[in-house]
Amino acid sequence: SKLAVLHPDAHIYHMPLAVDIDRMLQILDE
């Protein structure tokens, strides 16, 4: 929200971070 005000010409989006599920399943059992 803060960046959207500071940089009106840019395109600002909200996007949570991610986890590599495939790698987790290769390392760990389910």
PDB file of all heavy atoms in Angstrom:
ATOM      1  N   SER A   1       0.829  -1.208   0.000  1.00  0.00           N
ATOM      2  CA  SER A   1       0.000   0.000   0.000  1.00  0.00           C
ATOM      3  C   SER A   1       0.861   1.254   0.000  1.00  0.00           C
ATOM      4  O   SER A   1       0.554   2.234  -0.692  1.00  0.00           O
ATOM      5  CB  SER A   1      -0.929  -0.006   1.216  1.00  0.00           C
ATOM      6  OG  SER A   1      -1.779  -1.130   1.189  1.00  0.00           O
ATOM      7  N   LYS A   2       1.933   1.219   0.767  1.00  0.00           N
ATOM      8  CA  LYS A   2       2.833   2.365   0.844  1.00  0.00           C
ATOM      9  C   LYS A   2       3.516   2.620  -0.498  1.00  0.00           C
ATOM     10  O   LYS A   2       3.615   3.764  -0.962  1.00  0.00           O
ATOM     11  CB  LYS A   2       3.869   2.107   1.933  1.00  0.00           C
ATOM     12  CG  LYS A   2       4.866   3.225   2.144  1.00  0.00           C
ATOM     13  CD  LYS A   2       5.829   2.851   3.271  1.00  0.00           C
ATOM     14  CE  LYS A   2       6.879   3.930   3.475  1.00  0.00           C
ATOM     15  NZ  LYS A   2       7.825   3.574   4.570  1.00  0.00           N
ATOM     16  N   LEU A   3       3.971   1.556  -1.152  1.00  0.00           N
ATOM     17  CA  LEU A   3       4.665   1.695  -2.438  1.00  0.00           C
ATOM     18  C   LEU A   3       3.725   2.189  -3.532  1.00  0.00           C
ATOM     19  O   LEU A   3       4.140   2.914  -4.435  1.00  0.00           O
ATOM     20  CB  LEU A   3       5.292   0.364  -2.844  1.00  0.00           C
ATOM     21  CG  LEU A   3       6.478  -0.123  -2.014  1.00  0.00           C
ATOM     22  CD1 LEU A   3       6.901  -1.514  -2.463  1.00  0.00           C
ATOM     23  CD2 LEU A   3       7.654   0.848  -2.118  1.00  0.00           C
ATOM     24  N   ALA A   4       2.473   1.793  -3.464  1.00  0.00           N
ATOM     25  CA  ALA A   4       1.507   2.233  -4.476  1.00  0.00           C
ATOM     26  C   ALA A   4       1.344   3.750  -4.463  1.00  0.00           C
ATOM     27  O   ALA A   4       1.112   4.367  -5.505  1.00  0.00           O
ATOM     28  CB  ALA A   4       0.163   1.553  -4.233  1.00  0.00           C
ATOM     29  N   VAL A   5       1.488   4.350  -3.286  1.00  0.00           N
ATOM     30  CA  VAL A   5       1.409   5.807  -3.169  1.00  0.00           C
ATOM     31  C   VAL A   5       2.723   6.457  -3.596  1.00  0.00           C
ATOM     32  O   VAL A   5       2.748   7.464  -4.306  1.00  0.00           O
ATOM     33  CB  VAL A   5       1.051   6.208  -1.719  1.00  0.00           C
ATOM     34  CG1 VAL A   5       1.096   7.727  -1.555  1.00  0.00           C
ATOM     35  CG2 VAL A   5      -0.322   5.668  -1.339  1.00  0.00           C
ATOM     36  N   LEU A   6       3.833   5.855  -3.163  1.00  0.00           N
ATOM     37  CA  LEU A   6       5.152   6.416  -3.482  1.00  0.00           C
ATOM     38  C   LEU A   6       5.470   6.350  -4.967  1.00  0.00           C
ATOM     39  O   LEU A   6       6.113   7.255  -5.507  1.00  0.00           O
ATOM     40  CB  LEU A   6       6.243   5.659  -2.710  1.00  0.00           C
ATOM     41  CG  LEU A   6       6.414   5.956  -1.226  1.00  0.00           C
ATOM     42  CD1 LEU A   6       7.487   5.043  -0.638  1.00  0.00           C
ATOM     43  CD2 LEU A   6       6.794   7.420  -0.998  1.00  0.00           C
ATOM     44  N   HIS A   7       5.027   5.286  -5.636  1.00  0.00           N
ATOM     45  CA  HIS A   7       5.424   5.052  -7.034  1.00  0.00           C
ATOM     46  C   HIS A   7       4.180   4.859  -7.917  1.00  0.00           C
ATOM     47  O   HIS A   7       3.885   3.743  -8.359  1.00  0.00           O
ATOM     48  CB  HIS A   7       6.338   3.822  -7.113  1.00  0.00           C
ATOM     49  CG  HIS A   7       7.549   3.899  -6.239  1.00  0.00           C
ATOM     50  ND1 HIS A   7       8.411   4.976  -6.253  1.00  0.00           N
ATOM     51  CD2 HIS A   7       8.037   3.017  -5.318  1.00  0.00           C
ATOM     52  CE1 HIS A   7       9.391   4.757  -5.389  1.00  0.00           C
ATOM     53  NE2 HIS A   7       9.189   3.601  -4.806  1.00  0.00           N
ATOM     54  N   PRO A   8       3.463   5.923  -8.196  1.00  0.00           N
ATOM     55  CA  PRO A   8       2.205   5.799  -8.957  1.00  0.00           C
ATOM     56  C   PRO A   8       2.404   5.355 -10.398  1.00  0.00           C
ATOM     57  O   PRO A   8       1.460   4.828 -11.015  1.00  0.00           O
ATOM     58  CB  PRO A   8       1.616   7.211  -8.888  1.00  0.00           C
ATOM     59  CG  PRO A   8       2.800   8.110  -8.625  1.00  0.00           C
ATOM     60  CD  PRO A   8       3.727   7.315  -7.776  1.00  0.00           C
ATOM     61  N   ASP A   9       3.588   5.552 -10.966  1.00  0.00           N
ATOM     62  CA  ASP A   9       3.813   5.155 -12.358  1.00  0.00           C
ATOM     63  C   ASP A   9       4.174   3.676 -12.491  1.00  0.00           C
ATOM     64  O   ASP A   9       4.054   3.097 -13.577  1.00  0.00           O
ATOM     65  CB  ASP A   9       4.931   6.001 -12.973  1.00  0.00           C
ATOM     66  CG  ASP A   9       4.536   7.464 -13.128  1.00  0.00           C
ATOM     67  OD1 ASP A   9       3.315   7.747 -13.143  1.00  0.00           O
ATOM     68  OD2 ASP A   9       5.430   8.320 -13.216  1.00  0.00           O
ATOM     69  N   ALA A  10       4.657   3.075 -11.405  1.00  0.00           N
ATOM     70  CA  ALA A  10       5.007   1.658 -11.428  1.00  0.00           C
ATOM     71  C   ALA A  10       3.757   0.803 -11.196  1.00  0.00           C
ATOM     72  O   ALA A  10       2.687   1.314 -10.842  1.00  0.00           O
ATOM     73  CB  ALA A  10       6.053   1.366 -10.365  1.00  0.00           C
ATOM     74  N   HIS A  11       3.903  -0.486 -11.394  1.00  0.00           N
ATOM     75  CA  HIS A  11       2.818  -1.438 -11.155  1.00  0.00           C
ATOM     76  C   HIS A  11       3.160  -2.212  -9.881  1.00  0.00           C
ATOM     77  O   HIS A  11       4.134  -2.961  -9.853  1.00  0.00           O
ATOM     78  CB  HIS A  11       2.665  -2.384 -12.338  1.00  0.00           C
ATOM     79  CG  HIS A  11       2.530  -1.680 -13.663  1.00  0.00           C
ATOM     80  ND1 HIS A  11       1.312  -1.237 -14.146  1.00  0.00           N
ATOM     81  CD2 HIS A  11       3.465  -1.309 -14.576  1.00  0.00           C
ATOM     82  CE1 HIS A  11       1.495  -0.640 -15.309  1.00  0.00           C
ATOM     83  NE2 HIS A  11       2.794  -0.667 -15.598  1.00  0.00           N
ATOM     84  N   ILE A  12       2.354  -2.032  -8.843  1.00  0.00           N
ATOM     85  CA  ILE A  12       2.622  -2.629  -7.545  1.00  0.00           C
ATOM     86  C   ILE A  12       1.551  -3.670  -7.242  1.00  0.00           C
ATOM     87  O   ILE A  12       0.351  -3.390  -7.372  1.00  0.00           O
ATOM     88  CB  ILE A  12       2.644  -1.562  -6.424  1.00  0.00           C
ATOM     89  CG1 ILE A  12       3.514  -0.364  -6.825  1.00  0.00           C
ATOM     90  CG2 ILE A  12       3.103  -2.181  -5.110  1.00  0.00           C
ATOM     91  CD1 ILE A  12       4.982  -0.664  -6.968  1.00  0.00           C
ATOM     92  N   TYR A  13       1.970  -4.861  -6.837  1.00  0.00           N
ATOM     93  CA  TYR A  13       1.041  -5.956  -6.568  1.00  0.00           C
ATOM     94  C   TYR A  13       1.364  -6.579  -5.203  1.00  0.00           C
ATOM     95  O   TYR A  13       2.503  -6.583  -4.763  1.00  0.00           O
ATOM     96  CB  TYR A  13       1.164  -7.073  -7.613  1.00  0.00           C
ATOM     97  CG  TYR A  13       1.196  -6.636  -9.055  1.00  0.00           C
ATOM     98  CD1 TYR A  13       2.373  -6.153  -9.634  1.00  0.00           C
ATOM     99  CD2 TYR A  13       0.062  -6.752  -9.862  1.00  0.00           C
ATOM    100  CE1 TYR A  13       2.422  -5.779 -10.969  1.00  0.00           C
ATOM    101  CE2 TYR A  13       0.097  -6.382 -11.207  1.00  0.00           C
ATOM    102  CZ  TYR A  13       1.283  -5.894 -11.753  1.00  0.00           C
ATOM    103  OH  TYR A  13       1.329  -5.526 -13.081  1.00  0.00           O
ATOM    104  N   HIS A  14       0.347  -7.149  -4.582  1.00  0.00           N
ATOM    105  CA  HIS A  14       0.577  -7.953  -3.388  1.00  0.00           C
ATOM    106  C   HIS A  14       0.739  -9.404  -3.799  1.00  0.00           C
ATOM    107  O   HIS A  14      -0.085  -9.946  -4.551  1.00  0.00           O
ATOM    108  CB  HIS A  14      -0.599  -7.830  -2.415  1.00  0.00           C
ATOM    109  CG  HIS A  14      -0.468  -8.727  -1.211  1.00  0.00           C
ATOM    110  ND1 HIS A  14      -1.186  -9.884  -1.062  1.00  0.00           N
ATOM    111  CD2 HIS A  14       0.340  -8.630  -0.118  1.00  0.00           C
ATOM    112  CE1 HIS A  14      -0.852 -10.459   0.078  1.00  0.00           C
ATOM    113  NE2 HIS A  14       0.065  -9.721   0.671  1.00  0.00           N
ATOM    114  N   MET A  15       1.813 -10.040  -3.346  1.00  0.00           N
ATOM    115  CA  MET A  15       2.039 -11.446  -3.659  1.00  0.00           C
ATOM    116  C   MET A  15       2.787 -12.123  -2.512  1.00  0.00           C
ATOM    117  O   MET A  15       3.971 -11.870  -2.289  1.00  0.00           O
ATOM    118  CB  MET A  15       2.848 -11.597  -4.954  1.00  0.00           C
ATOM    119  CG  MET A  15       3.116 -13.057  -5.355  1.00  0.00           C
ATOM    120  SD  MET A  15       1.601 -14.032  -5.539  1.00  0.00           S
ATOM    121  CE  MET A  15       0.787 -13.150  -6.870  1.00  0.00           C
ATOM    122  N   PRO A  16       2.105 -12.984  -1.737  1.00  0.00           N
ATOM    123  CA  PRO A  16       2.801 -13.729  -0.679  1.00  0.00           C
ATOM    124  C   PRO A  16       3.929 -14.576  -1.255  1.00  0.00           C
ATOM    125  O   PRO A  16       3.948 -14.909  -2.444  1.00  0.00           O
ATOM    126  CB  PRO A  16       1.691 -14.603  -0.093  1.00  0.00           C
ATOM    127  CG  PRO A  16       0.424 -13.883  -0.416  1.00  0.00           C
ATOM    128  CD  PRO A  16       0.667 -13.252  -1.768  1.00  0.00           C
ATOM    129  N   LEU A  17       4.860 -14.924  -0.393  1.00  0.00           N
ATOM    130  CA  LEU A  17       6.000 -15.736  -0.797  1.00  0.00           C
ATOM    131  C   LEU A  17       5.569 -17.189  -0.985  1.00  0.00           C
ATOM    132  O   LEU A  17       4.413 -17.546  -0.771  1.00  0.00           O
ATOM    133  CB  LEU A  17       7.120 -15.599   0.229  1.00  0.00           C
ATOM    134  CG  LEU A  17       7.665 -14.171   0.365  1.00  0.00           C
ATOM    135  CD1 LEU A  17       8.611 -14.049   1.550  1.00  0.00           C
ATOM    136  CD2 LEU A  17       8.361 -13.734  -0.922  1.00  0.00           C
ATOM    137  N   ALA A  18       6.514 -18.036  -1.399  1.00  0.00           N
ATOM    138  CA  ALA A  18       6.160 -19.392  -1.815  1.00  0.00           C
ATOM    139  C   ALA A  18       7.100 -20.424  -1.219  1.00  0.00           C
ATOM    140  O   ALA A  18       8.182 -20.110  -0.710  1.00  0.00           O
ATOM    141  CB  ALA A  18       6.188 -19.475  -3.348  1.00  0.00           C
ATOM    142  N   VAL A  19       6.670 -21.671  -1.311  1.00  0.00           N
ATOM    143  CA  VAL A  19       7.488 -22.802  -0.880  1.00  0.00           C
ATOM    144  C   VAL A  19       7.556 -23.816  -2.019  1.00  0.00           C
ATOM    145  O   VAL A  19       6.606 -23.968  -2.793  1.00  0.00           O
ATOM    146  CB  VAL A  19       6.906 -23.445   0.400  1.00  0.00           C
ATOM    147  CG1 VAL A  19       5.524 -24.028   0.148  1.00  0.00           C
ATOM    148  CG2 VAL A  19       7.846 -24.506   0.958  1.00  0.00           C
ATOM    149  N   ASP A  20       8.686 -24.485  -2.129  1.00  0.00           N
ATOM    150  CA  ASP A  20       8.905 -25.468  -3.183  1.00  0.00           C
ATOM    151  C   ASP A  20       8.370 -26.821  -2.727  1.00  0.00           C
ATOM    152  O   ASP A  20       9.090 -27.630  -2.141  1.00  0.00           O
ATOM    153  CB  ASP A  20      10.408 -25.554  -3.500  1.00  0.00           C
ATOM    154  CG  ASP A  20      10.694 -26.408  -4.721  1.00  0.00           C
ATOM    155  OD1 ASP A  20       9.794 -27.133  -5.182  1.00  0.00           O
ATOM    156  OD2 ASP A  20      11.846 -26.349  -5.209  1.00  0.00           O
ATOM    157  N   ILE A  21       7.094 -27.073  -2.967  1.00  0.00           N
ATOM    158  CA  ILE A  21       6.442 -28.287  -2.493  1.00  0.00           C
ATOM    159  C   ILE A  21       7.055 -29.530  -3.123  1.00  0.00           C
ATOM    160  O   ILE A  21       7.262 -30.555  -2.458  1.00  0.00           O
ATOM    161  CB  ILE A  21       4.925 -28.229  -2.765  1.00  0.00           C
ATOM    162  CG1 ILE A  21       4.279 -27.117  -1.916  1.00  0.00           C
ATOM    163  CG2 ILE A  21       4.268 -29.571  -2.471  1.00  0.00           C
ATOM    164  CD1 ILE A  21       4.369 -27.337  -0.426  1.00  0.00           C
ATOM    165  N   ASP A  22       7.362 -29.493  -4.420  1.00  0.00           N
ATOM    166  CA  ASP A  22       7.949 -30.659  -5.085  1.00  0.00           C
ATOM    167  C   ASP A  22       9.273 -31.055  -4.440  1.00  0.00           C
ATOM    168  O   ASP A  22       9.552 -32.242  -4.236  1.00  0.00           O
ATOM    169  CB  ASP A  22       8.167 -30.367  -6.571  1.00  0.00           C
ATOM    170  CG  ASP A  22       6.859 -30.317  -7.341  1.00  0.00           C
ATOM    171  OD1 ASP A  22       5.837 -30.794  -6.805  1.00  0.00           O
ATOM    172  OD2 ASP A  22       6.850 -29.796  -8.469  1.00  0.00           O
ATOM    173  N   ARG A  23      10.093 -30.037  -4.115  1.00  0.00           N
ATOM    174  CA  ARG A  23      11.375 -30.338  -3.459  1.00  0.00           C
ATOM    175  C   ARG A  23      11.143 -30.929  -2.074  1.00  0.00           C
ATOM    176  O   ARG A  23      11.834 -31.854  -1.656  1.00  0.00           O
ATOM    177  CB  ARG A  23      12.221 -29.064  -3.360  1.00  0.00           C
ATOM    178  CG  ARG A  23      13.525 -29.249  -2.603  1.00  0.00           C
ATOM    179  CD  ARG A  23      14.397 -28.011  -2.712  1.00  0.00           C
ATOM    180  NE  ARG A  23      13.736 -26.814  -2.205  1.00  0.00           N
ATOM    181  CZ  ARG A  23      13.731 -26.469  -0.912  1.00  0.00           C
ATOM    182  NH1 ARG A  23      14.326 -27.234  -0.012  1.00  0.00           N
ATOM    183  NH2 ARG A  23      13.125 -25.362  -0.531  1.00  0.00           N
ATOM    184  N   MET A  24      10.152 -30.414  -1.359  1.00  0.00           N
ATOM    185  CA  MET A  24       9.840 -30.946  -0.034  1.00  0.00           C
ATOM    186  C   MET A  24       9.458 -32.418  -0.122  1.00  0.00           C
ATOM    187  O   MET A  24       9.890 -33.241   0.683  1.00  0.00           O
ATOM    188  CB  MET A  24       8.691 -30.152   0.604  1.00  0.00           C
ATOM    189  CG  MET A  24       9.010 -28.706   0.904  1.00  0.00           C
ATOM    190  SD  MET A  24      10.354 -28.518   2.112  1.00  0.00           S
ATOM    191  CE  MET A  24      10.394 -26.736   2.275  1.00  0.00           C
ATOM    192  N   LEU A  25       8.648 -32.756  -1.125  1.00  0.00           N
ATOM    193  CA  LEU A  25       8.195 -34.142  -1.251  1.00  0.00           C
ATOM    194  C   LEU A  25       9.313 -35.076  -1.694  1.00  0.00           C
ATOM    195  O   LEU A  25       9.265 -36.281  -1.435  1.00  0.00           O
ATOM    196  CB  LEU A  25       7.018 -34.215  -2.224  1.00  0.00           C
ATOM    197  CG  LEU A  25       5.739 -33.511  -1.754  1.00  0.00           C
ATOM    198  CD1 LEU A  25       4.649 -33.622  -2.810  1.00  0.00           C
ATOM    199  CD2 LEU A  25       5.258 -34.085  -0.436  1.00  0.00           C
ATOM    200  N   GLN A  26      10.328 -34.535  -2.350  1.00  0.00           N
ATOM    201  CA  GLN A  26      11.488 -35.352  -2.707  1.00  0.00           C
ATOM    202  C   GLN A  26      12.348 -35.661  -1.488  1.00  0.00           C
ATOM    203  O   GLN A  26      12.931 -36.733  -1.366  1.00  0.00           O
ATOM    204  CB  GLN A  26      12.333 -34.633  -3.762  1.00  0.00           C
ATOM    205  CG  GLN A  26      11.688 -34.560  -5.134  1.00  0.00           C
ATOM    206  CD  GLN A  26      12.480 -33.697  -6.101  1.00  0.00           C
ATOM    207  OE1 GLN A  26      13.530 -33.170  -5.750  1.00  0.00           O
ATOM    208  NE2 GLN A  26      11.976 -33.547  -7.323  1.00  0.00           N
ATOM    209  N   ILE A  27      12.416 -34.693  -0.566  1.00  0.00           N
ATOM    210  CA  ILE A  27      13.242 -34.852   0.635  1.00  0.00           C
ATOM    211  C   ILE A  27      12.508 -35.628   1.720  1.00  0.00           C
ATOM    212  O   ILE A  27      13.090 -36.457   2.431  1.00  0.00           O
ATOM    213  CB  ILE A  27      13.657 -33.468   1.186  1.00  0.00           C
ATOM    214  CG1 ILE A  27      14.495 -32.709   0.152  1.00  0.00           C
ATOM    215  CG2 ILE A  27      14.431 -33.591   2.492  1.00  0.00           C
ATOM    216  CD1 ILE A  27      14.758 -31.263   0.533  1.00  0.00           C
ATOM    217  N   LEU A  28      11.201 -35.412   1.824  1.00  0.00           N
ATOM    218  CA  LEU A  28      10.420 -35.902   2.951  1.00  0.00           C
ATOM    219  C   LEU A  28       9.338 -36.869   2.505  1.00  0.00           C
ATOM    220  O   LEU A  28       8.865 -36.826   1.379  1.00  0.00           O
ATOM    221  CB  LEU A  28       9.762 -34.716   3.674  1.00  0.00           C
ATOM    222  CG  LEU A  28      10.706 -33.576   4.082  1.00  0.00           C
ATOM    223  CD1 LEU A  28       9.895 -32.331   4.408  1.00  0.00           C
ATOM    224  CD2 LEU A  28      11.552 -33.986   5.268  1.00  0.00           C
ATOM    225  N   ASP A  29       8.959 -37.749   3.422  1.00  0.00           N
ATOM    226  CA  ASP A  29       7.863 -38.669   3.148  1.00  0.00           C
ATOM    227  C   ASP A  29       6.532 -37.999   3.463  1.00  0.00           C
ATOM    228  O   ASP A  29       6.456 -37.077   4.247  1.00  0.00           O
ATOM    229  CB  ASP A  29       7.998 -39.937   3.998  1.00  0.00           C
ATOM    230  CG  ASP A  29       9.245 -40.727   3.624  1.00  0.00           C
ATOM    231  OD1 ASP A  29       9.607 -40.708   2.434  1.00  0.00           O
ATOM    232  OD2 ASP A  29       9.839 -41.347   4.521  1.00  0.00           O
ATOM    233  N   GLU A  30       5.492 -38.517   2.858  1.00  0.00           N
ATOM    234  CA  GLU A  30       4.140 -37.994   3.102  1.00  0.00           C
ATOM    235  C   GLU A  30       3.327 -39.084   3.778  1.00  0.00           C
ATOM    236  O   GLU A  30       3.494 -40.250   3.472  1.00  0.00           O
ATOM    237  CB  GLU A  30       3.491 -37.625   1.768  1.00  0.00           C
ATOM    238  CG  GLU A  30       2.062 -37.240   1.901  1.00  0.00           C
ATOM    239  CD  GLU A  30       1.850 -35.800   1.505  1.00  0.00           C
ATOM    240  OE1 GLU A  30       2.494 -35.347   0.598  1.00  0.00           O
ATOM    241  OE2 GLU A  30       1.033 -35.177   2.158  1.00  0.00           O
TER     242      GLU A  30
END
